[in-house]
Amino acid sequence: MRFPALLLLVSLAVLLVGCKHSPGYPGSPITRPDEVMDFATLYSQNCTACHGANGQNGPAIDLANSEYQALVDDATLRKWISSGMPGTEMPAFAQAAGGMLTDAQVNVLIAGMRKLWSRPDAFAGAMPPPYAQEQKGDAHNGEQSYQSRCISCHAASPQQITSSDYLAVVADQALRSIIIAGRPDIGQPDWRHLGPDGKTAPPLSAQDVNDIVAYLASLRNPTLAANDTANQSAPSTQPGR
């Protein structure tokens, strides 16, 4: 009786070992999506389509721009990745907001971007306008600034940044970030760019940036902008005002 039992055990062992080498059997345990903690994999799966391979040459802002990395802090990056950026095509990626990424994976993305693309001397000692708008912009002044500082390049650009179609998918903060940090991957200079015909010009001030963003924002829906201007200009009928 012992020999048949031993033979049965050996046959079962051979069968189990053979199954592991059969077609379709995974060679190693499959990693769950929420267990992936490799920056390159997470970036490729979630960011490349919009921000480009290696953080450049995508339709959205180039994350590999060291000036952008110096301009934005970790908390803001975490907010945009986790919850998305309203007014743009940037969706929410955090599980808490309906996405696929855990908080730890979001942190991996931030740490990876900092490691690869940040540079301590990104601004070479210069002080850029603040990342977030601190004062209200004036669209009329912004139009004048745009005409004197921006149109010489953008008038001939195939991408018309004054188009309502473009502005419909680019939020004010995204416009502000590009104006300040530039987009070196497509030749867009930062806030220190030269004036028309390459002439030396002072850097754009924080208020210049506020005004240009306000002007571009007014072009998203010219009818609403015109109504807003009319309402501001109309005399108030309320007592004491």
C-alpha atoms as a PDB file:
ATOM      1  CA  MET A   1       0.000   0.000   0.000  1.00  0.00           C
ATOM      2  CA  ARG A   2       2.874   2.340   0.680  1.00  0.00           C
ATOM      3  CA  PHE A   3       4.226   2.195  -2.870  1.00  0.00           C
ATOM      4  CA  PRO A   4       0.947   3.250  -4.600  1.00  0.00           C
ATOM      5  CA  ALA A   5       0.510   6.082  -2.069  1.00  0.00           C
ATOM      6  CA  LEU A   6       4.063   7.292  -2.664  1.00  0.00           C
ATOM      7  CA  LEU A   7       3.556   7.063  -6.411  1.00  0.00           C
ATOM      8  CA  LEU A   8       0.387   9.142  -6.101  1.00  0.00           C
ATOM      9  CA  LEU A   9       2.166  11.854  -4.123  1.00  0.00           C
ATOM     10  CA  VAL A  10       5.008  12.000  -6.658  1.00  0.00           C
ATOM     11  CA  SER A  11       2.526  12.237  -9.525  1.00  0.00           C
ATOM     12  CA  LEU A  12       0.684  15.109  -7.835  1.00  0.00           C
ATOM     13  CA  ALA A  13       3.950  16.954  -7.208  1.00  0.00           C
ATOM     14  CA  VAL A  14       4.986  16.572 -10.836  1.00  0.00           C
ATOM     15  CA  LEU A  15       1.548  17.759 -11.946  1.00  0.00           C
ATOM     16  CA  LEU A  16       1.716  20.880  -9.765  1.00  0.00           C
ATOM     17  CA  VAL A  17       5.215  21.748 -10.938  1.00  0.00           C
ATOM     18  CA  GLY A  18       4.212  21.221 -14.532  1.00  0.00           C
ATOM     19  CA  CYS A  19       1.215  23.549 -14.213  1.00  0.00           C
ATOM     20  CA  LYS A  20       3.504  26.442 -13.313  1.00  0.00           C
ATOM     21  CA  HIS A  21       5.193  26.104 -16.677  1.00  0.00           C
ATOM     22  CA  SER A  22       2.061  25.651 -18.752  1.00  0.00           C
ATOM     23  CA  PRO A  23       0.969  28.298 -21.290  1.00  0.00           C
ATOM     24  CA  GLY A  24      -0.907  31.191 -19.686  1.00  0.00           C
ATOM     25  CA  TYR A  25       0.393  30.601 -16.189  1.00  0.00           C
ATOM     26  CA  PRO A  26       1.909  33.839 -14.808  1.00  0.00           C
ATOM     27  CA  GLY A  27       5.637  33.621 -14.289  1.00  0.00           C
ATOM     28  CA  SER A  28       5.506  35.797 -11.179  1.00  0.00           C
ATOM     29  CA  PRO A  29       2.787  37.243  -8.935  1.00  0.00           C
ATOM     30  CA  ILE A  30       0.910  40.111 -10.597  1.00  0.00           C
ATOM     31  CA  THR A  31       1.368  43.487  -8.882  1.00  0.00           C
ATOM     32  CA  ARG A  32      -1.869  45.186  -7.954  1.00  0.00           C
ATOM     33  CA  PRO A  33      -2.273  48.672  -9.517  1.00  0.00           C
ATOM     34  CA  ASP A  34      -2.353  50.323  -6.091  1.00  0.00           C
ATOM     35  CA  GLU A  35       0.932  48.632  -5.169  1.00  0.00           C
ATOM     36  CA  VAL A  36       2.975  50.145  -8.014  1.00  0.00           C
ATOM     37  CA  MET A  37       5.486  52.521  -6.418  1.00  0.00           C
ATOM     38  CA  ASP A  38       7.892  53.089  -9.309  1.00  0.00           C
ATOM     39  CA  PHE A  39       7.958  56.684 -10.576  1.00  0.00           C
ATOM     40  CA  ALA A  40       8.702  55.799 -14.190  1.00  0.00           C
ATOM     41  CA  THR A  41       5.767  53.390 -14.334  1.00  0.00           C
ATOM     42  CA  LEU A  42       3.335  55.719 -12.591  1.00  0.00           C
ATOM     43  CA  TYR A  43       4.351  58.689 -14.752  1.00  0.00           C
ATOM     44  CA  SER A  44       4.126  56.672 -17.971  1.00  0.00           C
ATOM     45  CA  GLN A  45       0.683  55.323 -17.123  1.00  0.00           C
ATOM     46  CA  ASN A  46      -0.865  58.521 -15.793  1.00  0.00           C
ATOM     47  CA  CYS A  47       1.002  61.618 -17.016  1.00  0.00           C
ATOM     48  CA  THR A  48       2.803  61.048 -20.328  1.00  0.00           C
ATOM     49  CA  ALA A  49      -0.265  61.451 -22.558  1.00  0.00           C
ATOM     50  CA  CYS A  50      -0.680  65.122 -21.581  1.00  0.00           C
ATOM     51  CA  HIS A  51       2.683  66.211 -20.181  1.00  0.00           C
ATOM     52  CA  GLY A  52       4.863  64.307 -22.615  1.00  0.00           C
ATOM     53  CA  ALA A  53       7.508  61.628 -22.246  1.00  0.00           C
ATOM     54  CA  ASN A  54      10.206  62.834 -19.879  1.00  0.00           C
ATOM     55  CA  GLY A  55       7.959  65.741 -18.907  1.00  0.00           C
ATOM     56  CA  GLN A  56       8.286  67.608 -22.214  1.00  0.00           C
ATOM     57  CA  ASN A  57       6.590  68.225 -25.554  1.00  0.00           C
ATOM     58  CA  GLY A  58       3.062  67.349 -24.490  1.00  0.00           C
ATOM     59  CA  PRO A  59      -0.070  69.446 -24.956  1.00  0.00           C
ATOM     60  CA  ALA A  60      -0.022  70.425 -21.256  1.00  0.00           C
ATOM     61  CA  ILE A  61       2.658  72.291 -19.297  1.00  0.00           C
ATOM     62  CA  ASP A  62       6.129  70.747 -19.361  1.00  0.00           C
ATOM     63  CA  LEU A  63       6.757  69.358 -15.901  1.00  0.00           C
ATOM     64  CA  ALA A  64      10.457  68.961 -16.661  1.00  0.00           C
ATOM     65  CA  ASN A  65      10.854  72.747 -16.753  1.00  0.00           C
ATOM     66  CA  SER A  66      13.031  73.488 -13.713  1.00  0.00           C
ATOM     67  CA  GLU A  67      11.517  76.963 -13.426  1.00  0.00           C
ATOM     68  CA  TYR A  68       8.045  75.495 -13.085  1.00  0.00           C
ATOM     69  CA  GLN A  69       9.334  73.036 -10.496  1.00  0.00           C
ATOM     70  CA  ALA A  70      10.840  75.954  -8.554  1.00  0.00           C
ATOM     71  CA  LEU A  71       7.650  78.002  -8.840  1.00  0.00           C
ATOM     72  CA  VAL A  72       5.139  75.449  -7.554  1.00  0.00           C
ATOM     73  CA  ASP A  73       5.296  73.879  -4.096  1.00  0.00           C
ATOM     74  CA  ASP A  74       4.593  70.289  -3.081  1.00  0.00           C
ATOM     75  CA  ALA A  75       1.176  71.071  -1.598  1.00  0.00           C
ATOM     76  CA  THR A  76      -0.001  72.643  -4.857  1.00  0.00           C
ATOM     77  CA  LEU A  77       1.314  69.776  -6.982  1.00  0.00           C
ATOM     78  CA  ARG A  78      -0.450  67.362  -4.666  1.00  0.00           C
ATOM     79  CA  LYS A  79      -3.702  69.312  -5.007  1.00  0.00           C
ATOM     80  CA  TRP A  80      -3.626  69.335  -8.811  1.00  0.00           C
ATOM     81  CA  ILE A  81      -2.652  65.655  -9.094  1.00  0.00           C
ATOM     82  CA  SER A  82      -5.147  64.507  -6.483  1.00  0.00           C
ATOM     83  CA  SER A  83      -8.151  66.689  -7.309  1.00  0.00           C
ATOM     84  CA  GLY A  84      -7.500  67.874 -10.863  1.00  0.00           C
ATOM     85  CA  MET A  85      -7.308  71.468 -12.111  1.00  0.00           C
ATOM     86  CA  PRO A  86     -10.682  73.114 -12.778  1.00  0.00           C
ATOM     87  CA  GLY A  87     -10.949  74.773 -16.170  1.00  0.00           C
ATOM     88  CA  THR A  88      -8.510  72.363 -17.809  1.00  0.00           C
ATOM     89  CA  GLU A  89      -8.429  68.780 -19.057  1.00  0.00           C
ATOM     90  CA  MET A  90      -6.480  67.769 -15.926  1.00  0.00           C
ATOM     91  CA  PRO A  91      -8.582  65.121 -14.125  1.00  0.00           C
ATOM     92  CA  ALA A  92      -8.446  64.000 -10.520  1.00  0.00           C
ATOM     93  CA  PHE A  93      -6.138  61.022  -9.970  1.00  0.00           C
ATOM     94  CA  ALA A  94      -6.495  60.369  -6.237  1.00  0.00           C
ATOM     95  CA  GLN A  95      -8.736  57.526  -5.129  1.00  0.00           C
ATOM     96  CA  ALA A  96     -10.455  59.906  -2.730  1.00  0.00           C
ATOM     97  CA  ALA A  97     -11.556  61.987  -5.737  1.00  0.00           C
ATOM     98  CA  GLY A  98     -12.554  59.048  -7.925  1.00  0.00           C
ATOM     99  CA  GLY A  99      -9.154  58.338  -9.480  1.00  0.00           C
ATOM    100  CA  MET A 100      -6.868  55.306  -9.321  1.00  0.00           C
ATOM    101  CA  LEU A 101      -3.879  56.533  -7.303  1.00  0.00           C
ATOM    102  CA  THR A 102      -3.281  56.171  -3.594  1.00  0.00           C
ATOM    103  CA  ASP A 103      -1.892  59.059  -1.561  1.00  0.00           C
ATOM    104  CA  ALA A 104       1.441  57.218  -1.433  1.00  0.00           C
ATOM    105  CA  GLN A 105       1.545  56.971  -5.238  1.00  0.00           C
ATOM    106  CA  VAL A 106       0.834  60.689  -5.567  1.00  0.00           C
ATOM    107  CA  ASN A 107       3.766  61.324  -3.248  1.00  0.00           C
ATOM    108  CA  VAL A 108       5.962  59.099  -5.421  1.00  0.00           C
ATOM    109  CA  LEU A 109       5.073  61.206  -8.469  1.00  0.00           C
ATOM    110  CA  ILE A 110       5.925  64.441  -6.662  1.00  0.00           C
ATOM    111  CA  ALA A 111       9.203  63.095  -5.277  1.00  0.00           C
ATOM    112  CA  GLY A 112      10.167  61.716  -8.688  1.00  0.00           C
ATOM    113  CA  MET A 113       9.530  65.021 -10.444  1.00  0.00           C
ATOM    114  CA  ARG A 114      11.564  66.878  -7.855  1.00  0.00           C
ATOM    115  CA  LYS A 115      14.436  64.428  -8.121  1.00  0.00           C
ATOM    116  CA  LEU A 116      14.596  64.462 -11.912  1.00  0.00           C
ATOM    117  CA  TRP A 117      13.568  67.970 -12.876  1.00  0.00           C
ATOM    118  CA  SER A 118      14.068  70.457 -10.051  1.00  0.00           C
ATOM    119  CA  ARG A 119      17.171  72.634  -9.843  1.00  0.00           C
ATOM    120  CA  PRO A 120      18.116  74.841  -6.884  1.00  0.00           C
ATOM    121  CA  ASP A 121      19.315  77.727  -9.080  1.00  0.00           C
ATOM    122  CA  ALA A 122      16.446  77.582 -11.573  1.00  0.00           C
ATOM    123  CA  PHE A 123      15.873  81.346 -11.460  1.00  0.00           C
ATOM    124  CA  ALA A 124      19.563  82.248 -11.185  1.00  0.00           C
ATOM    125  CA  GLY A 125      18.892  84.619  -8.300  1.00  0.00           C
ATOM    126  CA  ALA A 126      15.971  86.426  -9.946  1.00  0.00           C
ATOM    127  CA  MET A 127      12.656  86.836  -8.133  1.00  0.00           C
ATOM    128  CA  PRO A 128       9.718  85.723 -10.283  1.00  0.00           C
ATOM    129  CA  PRO A 129       6.138  86.910  -9.806  1.00  0.00           C
ATOM    130  CA  PRO A 130       4.288  84.717  -7.298  1.00  0.00           C
ATOM    131  CA  TYR A 131       2.740  81.461  -8.448  1.00  0.00           C
ATOM    132  CA  ALA A 132      -0.724  82.405  -7.204  1.00  0.00           C
ATOM    133  CA  GLN A 133      -2.426  85.665  -8.108  1.00  0.00           C
ATOM    134  CA  GLU A 134      -2.375  88.109  -5.205  1.00  0.00           C
ATOM    135  CA  GLN A 135      -3.989  91.173  -6.817  1.00  0.00           C
ATOM    136  CA  LYS A 136      -6.894  91.476  -9.241  1.00  0.00           C
ATOM    137  CA  GLY A 137      -5.887  91.935 -12.858  1.00  0.00           C
ATOM    138  CA  ASP A 138      -7.100  94.645 -15.213  1.00  0.00           C
ATOM    139  CA  ALA A 139      -8.113  93.257 -18.611  1.00  0.00           C
ATOM    140  CA  HIS A 140      -7.725  96.622 -20.385  1.00  0.00           C
ATOM    141  CA  ASN A 141      -4.167  97.084 -19.146  1.00  0.00           C
ATOM    142  CA  GLY A 142      -3.558  93.433 -19.901  1.00  0.00           C
ATOM    143  CA  GLU A 143      -4.535  93.912 -23.532  1.00  0.00           C
ATOM    144  CA  GLN A 144      -2.002  96.747 -23.820  1.00  0.00           C
ATOM    145  CA  SER A 145       0.695  94.621 -22.203  1.00  0.00           C
ATOM    146  CA  TYR A 146      -0.172  91.718 -24.493  1.00  0.00           C
ATOM    147  CA  GLN A 147       0.101  93.952 -27.563  1.00  0.00           C
ATOM    148  CA  SER A 148       3.480  95.331 -26.488  1.00  0.00           C
ATOM    149  CA  ARG A 149       5.077  92.223 -24.979  1.00  0.00           C
ATOM    150  CA  CYS A 150       3.450  89.099 -26.411  1.00  0.00           C
ATOM    151  CA  ILE A 151       1.881  89.567 -29.818  1.00  0.00           C
ATOM    152  CA  SER A 152       5.171  89.837 -31.721  1.00  0.00           C
ATOM    153  CA  CYS A 153       5.625  86.075 -31.222  1.00  0.00           C
ATOM    154  CA  HIS A 154       2.077  84.841 -30.820  1.00  0.00           C
ATOM    155  CA  ALA A 155       0.644  86.610 -33.846  1.00  0.00           C
ATOM    156  CA  ALA A 156       2.580  84.238 -36.094  1.00  0.00           C
ATOM    157  CA  SER A 157       2.117  81.170 -33.897  1.00  0.00           C
ATOM    158  CA  PRO A 158       0.003  78.301 -35.254  1.00  0.00           C
ATOM    159  CA  GLN A 159      -1.515  78.018 -31.770  1.00  0.00           C
ATOM    160  CA  GLN A 160      -3.601  81.132 -31.227  1.00  0.00           C
ATOM    161  CA  ILE A 161      -3.613  81.633 -27.478  1.00  0.00           C
ATOM    162  CA  THR A 162      -6.293  84.321 -27.827  1.00  0.00           C
ATOM    163  CA  SER A 163      -8.677  81.752 -29.342  1.00  0.00           C
ATOM    164  CA  SER A 164     -11.670  80.980 -27.152  1.00  0.00           C
ATOM    165  CA  ASP A 165     -11.262  77.314 -28.129  1.00  0.00           C
ATOM    166  CA  TYR A 166      -7.766  77.260 -26.624  1.00  0.00           C
ATOM    167  CA  LEU A 167      -8.705  79.314 -23.589  1.00  0.00           C
ATOM    168  CA  ALA A 168     -11.672  77.031 -22.870  1.00  0.00           C
ATOM    169  CA  VAL A 169      -9.277  74.259 -21.789  1.00  0.00           C
ATOM    170  CA  VAL A 170      -6.568  76.383 -20.147  1.00  0.00           C
ATOM    171  CA  ALA A 171      -7.343  77.796 -16.708  1.00  0.00           C
ATOM    172  CA  ASP A 172      -6.078  81.141 -15.449  1.00  0.00           C
ATOM    173  CA  GLN A 173      -3.523  79.428 -13.197  1.00  0.00           C
ATOM    174  CA  ALA A 174      -2.157  77.418 -16.113  1.00  0.00           C
ATOM    175  CA  LEU A 175      -1.822  80.619 -18.179  1.00  0.00           C
ATOM    176  CA  ARG A 176      -0.080  82.313 -15.278  1.00  0.00           C
ATOM    177  CA  SER A 177       2.366  79.438 -14.800  1.00  0.00           C
ATOM    178  CA  ILE A 178       3.328  79.468 -18.481  1.00  0.00           C
ATOM    179  CA  ILE A 179       3.770  83.244 -18.552  1.00  0.00           C
ATOM    180  CA  ILE A 180       6.048  83.151 -15.509  1.00  0.00           C
ATOM    181  CA  ALA A 181       8.016  79.928 -16.012  1.00  0.00           C
ATOM    182  CA  GLY A 182       7.793  79.725 -19.795  1.00  0.00           C
ATOM    183  CA  ARG A 183       7.731  76.535 -21.825  1.00  0.00           C
ATOM    184  CA  PRO A 184      11.269  75.905 -23.041  1.00  0.00           C
ATOM    185  CA  ASP A 185      10.193  72.713 -24.785  1.00  0.00           C
ATOM    186  CA  ILE A 186       8.234  74.786 -27.344  1.00  0.00           C
ATOM    187  CA  GLY A 187      10.348  77.960 -27.240  1.00  0.00           C
ATOM    188  CA  GLN A 188       8.091  79.969 -24.923  1.00  0.00           C
ATOM    189  CA  PRO A 189      10.299  82.280 -22.802  1.00  0.00           C
ATOM    190  CA  ASP A 190       9.680  83.090 -19.165  1.00  0.00           C
ATOM    191  CA  TRP A 191       8.588  86.418 -17.655  1.00  0.00           C
ATOM    192  CA  ARG A 192      12.013  87.929 -18.376  1.00  0.00           C
ATOM    193  CA  HIS A 193      11.682  87.707 -22.159  1.00  0.00           C
ATOM    194  CA  LEU A 194      12.785  90.502 -24.461  1.00  0.00           C
ATOM    195  CA  GLY A 195      10.489  93.105 -25.952  1.00  0.00           C
ATOM    196  CA  PRO A 196       9.457  93.469 -29.625  1.00  0.00           C
ATOM    197  CA  ASP A 197      12.211  92.964 -32.208  1.00  0.00           C
ATOM    198  CA  GLY A 198      14.468  91.521 -29.516  1.00  0.00           C
ATOM    199  CA  LYS A 199      14.896  94.840 -27.745  1.00  0.00           C
ATOM    200  CA  THR A 200      15.787  94.829 -24.077  1.00  0.00           C
ATOM    201  CA  ALA A 201      12.725  95.206 -21.882  1.00  0.00           C
ATOM    202  CA  PRO A 202      12.152  94.978 -18.139  1.00  0.00           C
ATOM    203  CA  PRO A 203      10.749  91.679 -16.840  1.00  0.00           C
ATOM    204  CA  LEU A 204       7.014  91.449 -16.502  1.00  0.00           C
ATOM    205  CA  SER A 205       5.913  92.570 -13.044  1.00  0.00           C
ATOM    206  CA  ALA A 206       3.464  90.612 -10.917  1.00  0.00           C
ATOM    207  CA  GLN A 207       0.756  93.103 -11.913  1.00  0.00           C
ATOM    208  CA  ASP A 208       1.661  92.756 -15.601  1.00  0.00           C
ATOM    209  CA  VAL A 209       1.093  89.015 -15.289  1.00  0.00           C
ATOM    210  CA  ASN A 210      -2.188  89.568 -13.431  1.00  0.00           C
ATOM    211  CA  ASP A 211      -3.366  91.934 -16.166  1.00  0.00           C
ATOM    212  CA  ILE A 212      -2.371  89.709 -19.093  1.00  0.00           C
ATOM    213  CA  VAL A 213      -4.123  86.726 -17.508  1.00  0.00           C
ATOM    214  CA  ALA A 214      -7.218  88.892 -16.911  1.00  0.00           C
ATOM    215  CA  TYR A 215      -7.183  89.958 -20.579  1.00  0.00           C
ATOM    216  CA  LEU A 216      -6.869  86.387 -21.852  1.00  0.00           C
ATOM    217  CA  ALA A 217      -9.574  85.244 -19.444  1.00  0.00           C
ATOM    218  CA  SER A 218     -11.907  87.898 -20.844  1.00  0.00           C
ATOM    219  CA  LEU A 219     -11.571  86.297 -24.293  1.00  0.00           C
ATOM    220  CA  ARG A 220     -12.983  82.953 -23.161  1.00  0.00           C
ATOM    221  CA  ASN A 221     -16.472  84.410 -23.398  1.00  0.00           C
ATOM    222  CA  PRO A 222     -16.378  87.932 -24.857  1.00  0.00           C
ATOM    223  CA  THR A 223     -20.127  88.416 -24.277  1.00  0.00           C
ATOM    224  CA  LEU A 224     -19.840  87.772 -20.541  1.00  0.00           C
ATOM    225  CA  ALA A 225     -16.736  89.961 -20.359  1.00  0.00           C
ATOM    226  CA  ALA A 226     -18.532  92.816 -22.130  1.00  0.00           C
ATOM    227  CA  ASN A 227     -21.525  92.511 -19.793  1.00  0.00           C
ATOM    228  CA  ASP A 228     -19.221  92.501 -16.776  1.00  0.00           C
ATOM    229  CA  THR A 229     -17.497  95.661 -18.012  1.00  0.00           C
ATOM    230  CA  ALA A 230     -20.844  97.341 -18.617  1.00  0.00           C
ATOM    231  CA  ASN A 231     -22.064  96.404 -15.145  1.00  0.00           C
ATOM    232  CA  GLN A 232     -18.923  97.830 -13.576  1.00  0.00           C
ATOM    233  CA  SER A 233     -19.291 101.074 -15.543  1.00  0.00           C
ATOM    234  CA  ALA A 234     -23.007 101.543 -14.917  1.00  0.00           C
ATOM    235  CA  PRO A 235     -23.953 103.920 -12.059  1.00  0.00           C
ATOM    236  CA  SER A 236     -25.301 102.188  -8.992  1.00  0.00           C
ATOM    237  CA  THR A 237     -28.970 102.674  -8.094  1.00  0.00           C
ATOM    238  CA  GLN A 238     -28.510 101.474  -4.542  1.00  0.00           C
ATOM    239  CA  PRO A 239     -28.603 104.094  -1.792  1.00  0.00           C
ATOM    240  CA  GLY A 240     -25.241 105.084  -0.414  1.00  0.00           C
ATOM    241  CA  ARG A 241     -23.289 103.738  -3.375  1.00  0.00           C
END
